[in-house]
Protein backbone atom coordinates (compact mmCIF):
# COMPACT_ATOMS: atom_id res chain seq x y z
CA MET A 1 25.69 18.50 -13.52
CA LYS A 2 24.48 14.97 -13.32
CA SER A 3 21.20 13.76 -12.02
CA LYS A 4 20.71 10.28 -10.74
CA LEU A 5 17.16 8.85 -11.60
CA GLU A 6 15.88 5.93 -9.89
CA TYR A 7 13.21 4.12 -11.92
CA VAL A 8 11.04 2.16 -9.78
CA TRP A 9 8.64 -0.83 -11.11
CA LEU A 10 6.86 -3.85 -10.04
CA ASP A 11 7.82 -7.05 -11.21
CA GLY A 12 5.84 -10.15 -12.40
CA TYR A 13 6.15 -12.33 -9.36
CA GLN A 14 2.86 -14.08 -8.12
CA PRO A 15 0.97 -13.90 -6.09
CA THR A 16 2.86 -11.09 -4.59
CA GLN A 17 4.88 -8.46 -6.66
CA SER A 18 7.91 -6.93 -5.49
CA LEU A 19 9.47 -3.72 -6.08
CA ARG A 20 12.45 -3.18 -8.61
CA SER A 21 14.65 -0.18 -9.41
CA LYS A 22 17.63 0.86 -11.48
CA THR A 23 19.65 4.02 -11.95
CA MET A 24 19.78 6.26 -14.94
CA ILE A 25 22.36 9.47 -15.17
CA ARG A 26 20.95 12.22 -16.88
CA ASN A 27 22.82 15.52 -17.59
CA ASP A 28 21.16 18.74 -17.21
CA PHE A 29 18.03 17.25 -15.85
CA GLY A 30 15.43 19.87 -14.63
CA GLY A 31 13.44 17.59 -12.47
CA THR A 32 10.25 17.25 -14.35
CA LEU A 33 8.45 14.46 -15.35
CA GLU A 34 8.35 15.24 -18.98
CA GLU A 35 12.07 15.05 -18.96
CA CYS A 36 12.32 11.34 -17.85
CA PRO A 37 12.46 9.25 -20.86
CA MET A 38 10.82 5.73 -21.61
CA TRP A 39 13.44 2.88 -20.64
CA SER A 40 13.63 -0.67 -20.94
CA PHE A 41 14.52 -3.70 -18.85
CA ASP A 42 15.19 -7.46 -19.01
CA GLY A 43 11.73 -8.78 -18.15
CA SER A 44 13.01 -12.20 -18.21
CA SER A 45 14.87 -11.54 -15.07
CA THR A 46 11.50 -10.38 -13.40
CA MET A 47 9.01 -12.80 -14.59
CA GLN A 48 7.77 -10.31 -17.10
CA ALA A 49 8.85 -11.77 -20.44
CA SER A 50 10.84 -14.71 -22.10
CA GLY A 51 14.49 -14.96 -22.67
CA ASP A 52 13.92 -14.75 -26.29
CA ASP A 53 11.63 -11.91 -26.35
CA SER A 54 12.88 -10.09 -23.17
CA ASP A 55 12.45 -6.31 -23.56
CA CYS A 56 9.91 -4.52 -21.47
CA LEU A 57 9.23 -0.77 -21.15
CA LEU A 58 9.13 1.57 -18.16
CA LYS A 59 7.08 4.27 -18.73
CA PRO A 60 7.62 7.25 -16.08
CA VAL A 61 4.28 8.33 -14.24
CA ALA A 62 5.34 10.10 -11.18
CA ILE A 63 8.77 11.86 -10.00
CA PHE A 64 9.63 12.64 -6.59
CA PRO A 65 13.13 14.32 -5.26
CA ASP A 66 15.12 11.41 -3.53
CA PRO A 67 16.15 13.10 -0.39
CA ASP A 68 18.62 10.16 0.40
CA ARG A 69 20.82 10.87 -2.91
CA VAL A 70 22.63 13.81 -3.82
CA ASN A 71 20.99 15.28 -6.98
CA GLY A 72 18.63 12.11 -7.03
CA PHE A 73 15.06 11.59 -7.89
CA LEU A 74 12.60 8.71 -7.57
CA VAL A 75 10.66 7.77 -10.76
CA MET A 76 7.54 5.53 -10.52
CA THR A 77 7.19 3.84 -13.51
CA GLU A 78 4.50 1.36 -15.09
CA VAL A 79 5.57 -1.66 -17.12
CA LEU A 80 4.49 -1.72 -20.81
CA ASN A 81 5.00 -4.41 -23.32
CA ALA A 82 7.54 -3.83 -26.22
CA ASP A 83 4.57 -2.56 -28.47
CA GLY A 84 3.66 -0.08 -25.84
CA SER A 85 0.50 -1.80 -24.41
CA PRO A 86 0.16 -2.40 -20.66
CA HIS A 87 1.88 -5.62 -19.25
CA ALA A 88 -0.21 -8.05 -17.67
CA SER A 89 1.28 -6.91 -14.24
CA ASN A 90 0.41 -3.46 -14.57
CA GLY A 91 -2.31 -2.86 -12.09
CA ARG A 92 -1.88 0.94 -12.41
CA ALA A 93 -3.30 0.68 -16.03
CA THR A 94 -6.46 -0.71 -14.85
CA ILE A 95 -7.98 2.18 -12.73
CA ASP A 96 -10.89 4.08 -13.96
CA ASP A 97 -10.60 7.53 -12.68
CA ASP A 98 -9.65 9.64 -15.34
CA ASP A 99 -10.87 12.88 -13.42
CA ASP A 100 -9.41 12.07 -10.20
CA ASP A 101 -12.76 12.13 -8.34
CA PHE A 102 -11.79 9.16 -6.19
CA TRP A 103 -9.85 10.10 -2.95
CA PHE A 104 -7.78 7.23 -1.25
CA GLY A 105 -6.26 7.14 1.92
CA PHE A 106 -4.12 3.74 2.59
CA GLU A 107 -3.22 2.57 6.25
CA GLN A 108 -0.19 0.63 5.56
CA GLU A 109 0.66 -1.79 8.31
CA TYR A 110 4.07 -3.97 8.26
CA PHE A 111 6.32 -5.63 10.26
CA LEU A 112 9.94 -4.85 10.78
CA TRP A 113 11.95 -8.18 10.38
CA ASP A 114 15.46 -8.89 11.52
CA ILE A 115 17.20 -10.77 9.00
CA LYS A 116 19.76 -12.69 11.34
CA THR A 117 16.88 -14.08 13.72
CA GLY A 118 13.99 -14.23 11.19
CA LEU A 119 11.80 -12.56 13.67
CA PRO A 120 10.67 -9.03 14.27
CA PRO A 121 12.70 -6.81 16.61
CA GLY A 122 11.44 -7.24 20.33
CA PHE A 123 10.82 -11.04 19.56
CA PRO A 124 13.42 -13.17 21.73
CA LYS A 125 15.20 -15.89 19.81
CA GLY A 126 13.29 -19.06 20.19
CA GLY A 127 10.34 -17.46 22.00
CA TYR A 128 7.74 -14.87 22.17
CA PRO A 129 7.61 -11.27 24.08
CA SER A 130 4.54 -10.54 26.02
CA PRO A 131 1.34 -10.37 24.80
CA GLN A 132 0.06 -7.56 22.68
CA GLY A 133 -1.09 -4.79 24.36
CA PRO A 134 1.55 -2.52 25.27
CA TYR A 135 2.91 -2.13 21.91
CA TYR A 136 0.18 -0.10 20.31
CA CYS A 137 1.48 3.42 20.08
CA SER A 138 4.01 2.67 22.58
CA VAL A 139 6.94 4.49 23.83
CA GLY A 140 10.17 3.37 25.75
CA ALA A 141 12.56 0.49 24.74
CA LYS A 142 10.70 -2.24 26.51
CA ASN A 143 7.82 -1.83 23.94
CA ALA A 144 8.83 0.17 20.99
CA HIS A 145 11.09 -1.42 18.68
CA GLY A 146 12.86 -0.01 15.69
CA ARG A 147 11.98 3.43 15.83
CA ASP A 148 15.22 4.54 14.41
CA VAL A 149 13.91 3.10 11.03
CA ILE A 150 10.50 4.67 11.07
CA GLU A 151 11.62 7.92 12.11
CA ASP A 152 14.04 7.91 9.29
CA HIS A 153 11.72 6.63 6.75
CA LEU A 154 9.07 9.35 7.97
CA ASP A 155 11.48 12.27 7.25
CA LEU A 156 12.46 10.87 4.00
CA CYS A 157 9.05 10.62 2.64
CA LEU A 158 7.94 14.07 3.93
CA GLU A 159 11.22 15.46 2.08
CA ALA A 160 10.43 13.59 -1.35
CA GLY A 161 6.80 15.05 -1.07
CA ILE A 162 4.67 12.03 -0.07
CA ASN A 163 1.53 13.07 1.65
CA VAL A 164 2.34 10.87 4.55
CA GLU A 165 -0.42 11.84 7.29
CA GLY A 166 0.87 9.87 9.96
CA ILE A 167 2.70 6.85 11.89
CA ASN A 168 2.42 4.99 14.92
CA ALA A 169 3.57 1.72 16.64
CA GLU A 170 0.90 -1.07 16.17
CA VAL A 171 -0.57 -3.89 18.06
CA ALA A 172 2.17 -6.55 17.95
CA ALA A 173 6.01 -5.96 18.82
CA GLY A 174 7.90 -4.83 15.88
CA GLN A 175 4.77 -3.88 13.92
CA TRP A 176 4.50 -0.42 12.43
CA GLU A 177 1.92 1.73 10.31
CA PHE A 178 2.28 4.58 8.34
CA GLN A 179 -0.68 6.60 6.29
CA VAL A 180 -0.70 8.16 3.00
CA PHE A 181 -3.44 10.24 1.55
CA ALA A 182 -3.75 11.56 -2.07
CA LYS A 183 -6.61 13.09 -4.44
CA GLY A 184 -6.66 10.41 -7.14
CA ALA A 185 -6.27 6.72 -7.27
CA ALA A 186 -3.35 6.38 -9.41
CA ARG A 187 -1.59 9.29 -7.37
CA ALA A 188 -2.35 7.43 -4.21
CA GLY A 189 -1.01 4.21 -5.80
CA ASP A 190 2.26 6.05 -6.73
CA GLU A 191 2.83 7.59 -3.36
CA THR A 192 2.10 4.40 -1.47
CA TRP A 193 4.76 2.41 -3.54
CA ILE A 194 7.32 5.12 -3.28
CA ALA A 195 6.69 5.27 0.26
CA ARG A 196 7.31 1.17 0.52
CA TYR A 197 10.61 1.60 -1.80
CA LEU A 198 11.68 4.17 0.65
CA LEU A 199 10.96 2.04 3.72
CA GLU A 200 12.65 -1.08 2.29
CA ARG A 201 15.80 1.22 1.51
CA THR A 202 15.97 2.69 4.58
CA ALA A 203 15.67 -0.56 6.52
CA GLU A 204 18.49 -1.93 4.53
CA ARG A 205 20.97 0.24 6.61
CA TYR A 206 19.78 -1.36 10.02
CA ASP A 207 19.99 -5.01 8.61
CA LEU A 208 16.16 -5.09 8.66
CA SER A 209 13.75 -6.21 5.97
CA ILE A 210 10.15 -5.18 5.77
CA ASN A 211 7.59 -8.18 5.96
CA TRP A 212 4.56 -7.28 4.15
CA GLU A 213 2.66 -10.42 4.75
CA PRO A 214 -0.75 -10.25 6.53
CA LYS A 215 -0.15 -12.96 9.00
CA PRO A 216 3.64 -13.37 9.24
CA LEU A 217 3.59 -15.05 12.68
CA GLY A 218 1.13 -17.81 11.70
CA LYS A 219 -2.65 -17.98 11.65
CA ASP A 220 -3.13 -19.44 15.02
CA LEU A 221 -1.17 -17.21 17.38
CA ASP A 222 -2.71 -14.42 19.30
CA TRP A 223 -1.10 -11.69 17.30
CA ASN A 224 -2.60 -9.22 15.05
CA GLY A 225 -1.96 -9.38 11.46
CA SER A 226 -1.15 -6.48 8.98
CA GLY A 227 -3.61 -4.86 6.70
CA MET A 228 -3.84 -1.74 4.37
CA HIS A 229 -7.09 -0.38 5.12
CA ALA A 230 -8.44 1.31 2.39
CA ASN A 231 -10.38 4.76 3.04
CA PHE A 232 -11.99 5.93 0.07
CA SER A 233 -14.63 8.55 -1.52
CA ASN A 234 -15.88 10.21 -4.59
CA GLY A 235 -17.70 13.60 -5.08
CA VAL A 236 -21.10 12.17 -4.28
CA MET A 237 -19.86 10.43 -0.97
CA ARG A 238 -18.45 13.62 0.13
CA GLU A 239 -21.20 16.24 -0.87
CA SER A 240 -24.46 14.43 -0.94
CA GLY A 241 -25.63 13.89 2.52
CA ASP A 242 -27.53 10.73 1.78
CA GLU A 243 -27.27 7.58 3.89
CA SER A 244 -28.84 5.52 0.98
CA ILE A 245 -25.88 6.35 -1.38
CA PHE A 246 -23.26 4.68 1.74
CA THR A 247 -25.90 1.79 2.00
CA LYS A 248 -25.96 1.16 -2.09
CA ILE A 249 -22.24 1.17 -2.04
CA CYS A 250 -21.73 -1.24 0.81
CA GLU A 251 -24.40 -3.45 -0.27
CA ASN A 252 -22.97 -3.65 -3.73
CA PHE A 253 -19.47 -4.67 -2.04
CA GLY A 254 -21.07 -7.37 -0.40
CA LYS A 255 -22.18 -8.90 -3.79
CA ASN A 256 -18.74 -8.64 -5.35
CA ILE A 257 -16.66 -10.18 -2.57
CA GLU A 258 -14.57 -12.40 -4.77
CA ARG A 259 -13.77 -9.11 -7.11
CA HIS A 260 -12.32 -7.54 -4.01
CA ILE A 261 -10.78 -10.48 -2.04
CA SER A 262 -8.88 -11.56 -5.20
CA VAL A 263 -6.76 -8.35 -5.37
CA TYR A 264 -6.86 -7.83 -1.62
CA GLY A 265 -3.60 -9.70 -1.17
CA ALA A 266 -2.22 -13.25 -1.06
CA ASN A 267 -2.50 -15.24 2.25
CA ASN A 268 -5.31 -12.77 3.43
CA ASP A 269 -7.41 -15.85 4.64
CA GLN A 270 -4.81 -16.23 7.59
CA ARG A 271 -5.63 -12.59 8.45
CA LEU A 272 -9.54 -12.57 8.00
CA THR A 273 -10.49 -14.65 10.61
CA GLY A 274 -13.00 -12.91 12.35
CA LYS A 275 -10.72 -12.16 15.18
CA HIS A 276 -8.14 -9.42 15.91
CA GLU A 277 -10.38 -6.68 14.55
CA THR A 278 -11.43 -8.60 11.27
CA GLN A 279 -14.49 -10.02 9.64
CA SER A 280 -14.15 -13.57 8.19
CA ILE A 281 -12.97 -13.98 4.53
CA ASP A 282 -15.98 -15.47 3.07
CA THR A 283 -18.55 -13.11 5.10
CA PHE A 284 -19.36 -9.61 4.51
CA SER A 285 -20.86 -7.06 6.97
CA TYR A 286 -20.63 -3.18 7.25
CA GLY A 287 -21.41 -0.95 10.28
CA VAL A 288 -20.76 2.38 11.92
CA SER A 289 -17.51 2.33 13.83
CA ASP A 290 -17.35 -1.42 13.68
CA ARG A 291 -13.76 -2.45 13.21
CA GLY A 292 -14.93 -6.00 13.04
CA ALA A 293 -16.81 -5.50 9.99
CA SER A 294 -15.58 -5.87 6.24
CA ILE A 295 -16.71 -2.11 5.73
CA ARG A 296 -16.41 0.54 8.48
CA ILE A 297 -18.55 3.60 8.25
CA PRO A 298 -16.53 6.10 10.32
CA VAL A 299 -18.85 7.87 12.72
CA GLY A 300 -17.45 11.16 11.44
CA THR A 301 -19.13 10.53 8.22
CA VAL A 302 -22.53 10.16 9.92
CA GLN A 303 -21.81 13.20 12.22
CA ASP A 304 -21.06 15.16 9.31
CA GLY A 305 -24.59 14.35 7.70
CA TRP A 306 -23.63 11.61 5.93
CA LYS A 307 -20.96 13.12 3.85
CA GLY A 308 -17.40 11.48 3.94
CA ARG A 309 -15.81 8.19 3.10
CA LEU A 310 -15.91 4.55 3.87
CA GLU A 311 -13.27 2.21 5.28
CA ASP A 312 -12.58 -1.27 3.68
CA ARG A 313 -10.96 -3.27 6.09
CA ARG A 314 -10.31 -6.34 4.42
CA THR A 315 -7.17 -5.12 2.18
CA ALA A 316 -3.98 -7.06 3.52
CA SER A 317 -0.59 -5.41 3.90
CA ASN A 318 0.82 -6.99 0.50
CA ALA A 319 -2.00 -5.66 -1.71
CA ASP A 320 -1.33 -3.66 -4.55
CA PRO A 321 -2.89 -0.19 -3.92
CA TYR A 322 -3.46 0.23 -7.67
CA LYS A 323 -5.62 -3.17 -8.03
CA VAL A 324 -7.22 -2.34 -4.61
CA ALA A 325 -8.42 1.12 -5.99
CA ALA A 326 -9.65 -0.26 -9.35
CA ALA A 327 -11.57 -2.78 -7.73
CA ILE A 328 -13.14 -0.14 -5.10
CA ILE A 329 -13.93 2.51 -8.08
CA LYS A 330 -15.63 -0.52 -9.99
CA SER A 331 -17.79 -1.59 -7.26
CA THR A 332 -18.66 2.17 -6.23
CA LYS A 333 -19.53 3.08 -9.65
CA GLU A 334 -21.72 0.32 -10.23
CA ALA A 335 -23.70 1.02 -7.24
CA LEU A 336 -24.33 4.62 -8.14
CA LYS A 337 -25.60 4.04 -11.54
């Protein structure tokens, strides 16, 4: 029996990387990561190499059944140089979480985008729908736009074994969200990227694309932007029951604003304005239940005796979850030395 292995990777485009993929056909494939060979591609076509030295390598790091193809598998890979070292575009290789002590939950917001009108579904040509408010968690054709895409995507993710914990319509028309949780930073990144890949591919069938920009409708318009709120914890946070642990972490994040903002997504300054449930990009704050803060301390963490997680709300929808996780882990470990 022949199997289709779709190798998925991130290209070298800046400031925002895109997904790429190509198919390998294998005979008598058993469905394990160990059976997936290293592969190569033309890095000169993806901004990852020059034409006179173009070979880059794809190292398989995670595998998922592909429910959208017969005998198909999705193989998440990281990009290596020809000598086997991590490519400069490889954010996964920067994660310092060997023991999977860190858990991450990414709340991925995005806009569906009509490629014919250049607007989200629900936006009339040359104008705007009613002001935001009725679209969040909505039902009915007047307010919920593109549900067929979202339902198809959810089913595919669940069949693929991706730990999607929920979906909802978001604050603006044509804006949606899914949430992915995983134990281990690399795994959380793998699942989020594969979920993004499946969303892009699903939307193709509806002549829609996915707009990952944090403020695609413009900075000055009264429409919410798109984030990828990063919920995180490690063993100390989950078990210590010590408020001072959370204070130290938040304070250290405030001392390293640039470390985080530099990997929290391009054009994030258009979203982090201090409006629409955001803090200003050049200001740092934290507080219990405060959705206008840089970091929200969930009330559940407090109610559980200061055992739980934090939510960094600054992360933009187009950020690389690998790089986000790497920055969060670094700042958290520094705070707890």
